[in-house]
Amino acid sequence: MMQLAQPAAQQGSWLSSILMLVLMFAIFYFLLIRPQQKRQKQHQAMIAALKKGDRVVTFSGLYGTIVDLTEDKVVLRVNESTRLTFERGAIKAVLNEEEK
């Protein structure tokens, strides 16, 4: 009778291991992957909506106003005489009226 009980215990252990892996993946997905995808979609929408005159900040911390933009480049006016060219993806955020 001992021999019959062992396979049943091993099968239960195998199923619980699979269930634990699935549960860990689900937690990992909902806590890490999904929020990152959401932030990435929001950033892509913000990048697509850029327009001349927007006050922005880059990932390097540089504040400027968009004076020209193409499909992949953005020209920022930093002060009266300085214009810098960045890739569109380098824009971190568009500042609203209160942050200007």
Protein backbone atom coordinates (compact mmCIF):
# COMPACT_ATOMS: atom_id res chain seq x y z
CA MET A 1 0.00 0.00 0.00
CA MET A 2 2.91 2.36 0.52
CA GLN A 3 3.85 2.08 -3.12
CA LEU A 4 0.43 3.31 -4.24
CA ALA A 5 0.54 6.41 -2.03
CA GLN A 6 3.89 7.65 -3.34
CA PRO A 7 2.85 8.30 -6.98
CA ALA A 8 -0.18 10.24 -5.82
CA ALA A 9 2.01 12.44 -3.60
CA GLN A 10 4.47 13.02 -6.45
CA GLN A 11 1.67 13.99 -8.82
CA GLY A 12 0.28 16.49 -6.31
CA SER A 13 3.71 17.98 -5.85
CA TRP A 14 4.15 18.33 -9.61
CA LEU A 15 0.78 20.08 -10.01
CA SER A 16 1.47 22.47 -7.14
CA SER A 17 4.84 23.37 -8.68
CA ILE A 18 3.20 24.20 -12.01
CA LEU A 19 0.50 26.20 -10.26
CA MET A 20 3.13 28.12 -8.29
CA LEU A 21 5.02 29.00 -11.49
CA VAL A 22 1.85 30.21 -13.18
CA LEU A 23 0.95 32.29 -10.13
CA MET A 24 4.44 33.84 -10.00
CA PHE A 25 4.27 34.73 -13.70
CA ALA A 26 0.83 36.32 -13.24
CA ILE A 27 2.08 38.45 -10.34
CA PHE A 28 5.19 39.43 -12.31
CA TYR A 29 3.04 40.39 -15.31
CA PHE A 30 0.56 42.54 -13.40
CA LEU A 31 3.16 44.26 -11.19
CA LEU A 32 5.97 44.85 -13.69
CA ILE A 33 5.22 44.18 -17.36
CA ARG A 34 1.75 45.69 -17.70
CA PRO A 35 2.51 49.03 -15.96
CA GLN A 36 5.67 49.43 -18.06
CA GLN A 37 3.70 48.84 -21.27
CA LYS A 38 1.14 51.43 -20.16
CA ARG A 39 3.86 54.04 -19.49
CA GLN A 40 5.44 53.28 -22.86
CA LYS A 41 2.13 53.79 -24.67
CA GLN A 42 1.56 57.11 -22.86
CA HIS A 43 5.07 58.29 -23.78
CA GLN A 44 4.57 57.33 -27.45
CA ALA A 45 1.26 59.23 -27.53
CA MET A 46 2.95 62.29 -25.97
CA ILE A 47 5.80 62.12 -28.51
CA ALA A 48 3.31 61.89 -31.40
CA ALA A 49 1.38 64.92 -30.11
CA LEU A 50 4.38 67.30 -29.93
CA LYS A 51 3.97 70.61 -31.73
CA LYS A 52 5.83 73.88 -32.20
CA GLY A 53 5.68 76.14 -29.17
CA ASP A 54 5.42 73.32 -26.61
CA ARG A 55 7.64 73.80 -23.56
CA VAL A 56 9.35 70.46 -22.87
CA VAL A 57 11.98 68.81 -20.72
CA THR A 58 14.38 66.17 -22.05
CA PHE A 59 15.56 63.03 -20.27
CA SER A 60 18.86 64.83 -19.63
CA GLY A 61 16.99 67.57 -17.73
CA LEU A 62 17.22 70.30 -20.37
CA TYR A 63 14.24 72.67 -20.59
CA GLY A 64 13.36 74.28 -23.89
CA THR A 65 10.68 75.34 -26.33
CA ILE A 66 10.11 73.46 -29.59
CA VAL A 67 10.86 75.71 -32.57
CA ASP A 68 11.01 73.04 -35.28
CA LEU A 69 10.25 69.35 -35.53
CA THR A 70 10.37 66.61 -38.09
CA GLU A 71 9.30 62.99 -37.98
CA ASP A 72 12.33 61.99 -35.91
CA LYS A 73 14.05 65.23 -34.75
CA VAL A 74 13.11 68.13 -32.48
CA VAL A 75 14.86 71.52 -32.36
CA LEU A 76 14.65 73.22 -28.97
CA ARG A 77 15.29 76.86 -28.19
CA VAL A 78 17.05 76.92 -24.85
CA ASN A 79 17.65 80.68 -24.70
CA GLU A 80 17.57 83.57 -27.16
CA SER A 81 20.62 82.42 -29.12
CA THR A 82 20.88 78.66 -28.46
CA ARG A 83 19.03 76.02 -30.45
CA LEU A 84 19.70 72.33 -29.87
CA THR A 85 18.58 69.34 -31.94
CA PHE A 86 17.38 66.16 -30.23
CA GLU A 87 15.75 62.95 -31.30
CA ARG A 88 12.03 62.97 -30.63
CA GLY A 89 12.37 60.12 -28.15
CA ALA A 90 14.64 62.25 -25.94
CA ILE A 91 11.66 64.32 -24.83
CA LYS A 92 10.63 63.26 -21.34
CA ALA A 93 7.57 65.45 -20.77
CA VAL A 94 5.59 68.37 -22.08
CA LEU A 95 5.20 71.03 -19.41
CA ASN A 96 1.75 72.44 -18.82
CA GLU A 97 0.99 76.14 -18.26
CA GLU A 98 1.59 75.95 -14.49
CA GLU A 99 5.05 74.36 -14.89
CA LYS A 100 6.28 76.89 -17.48
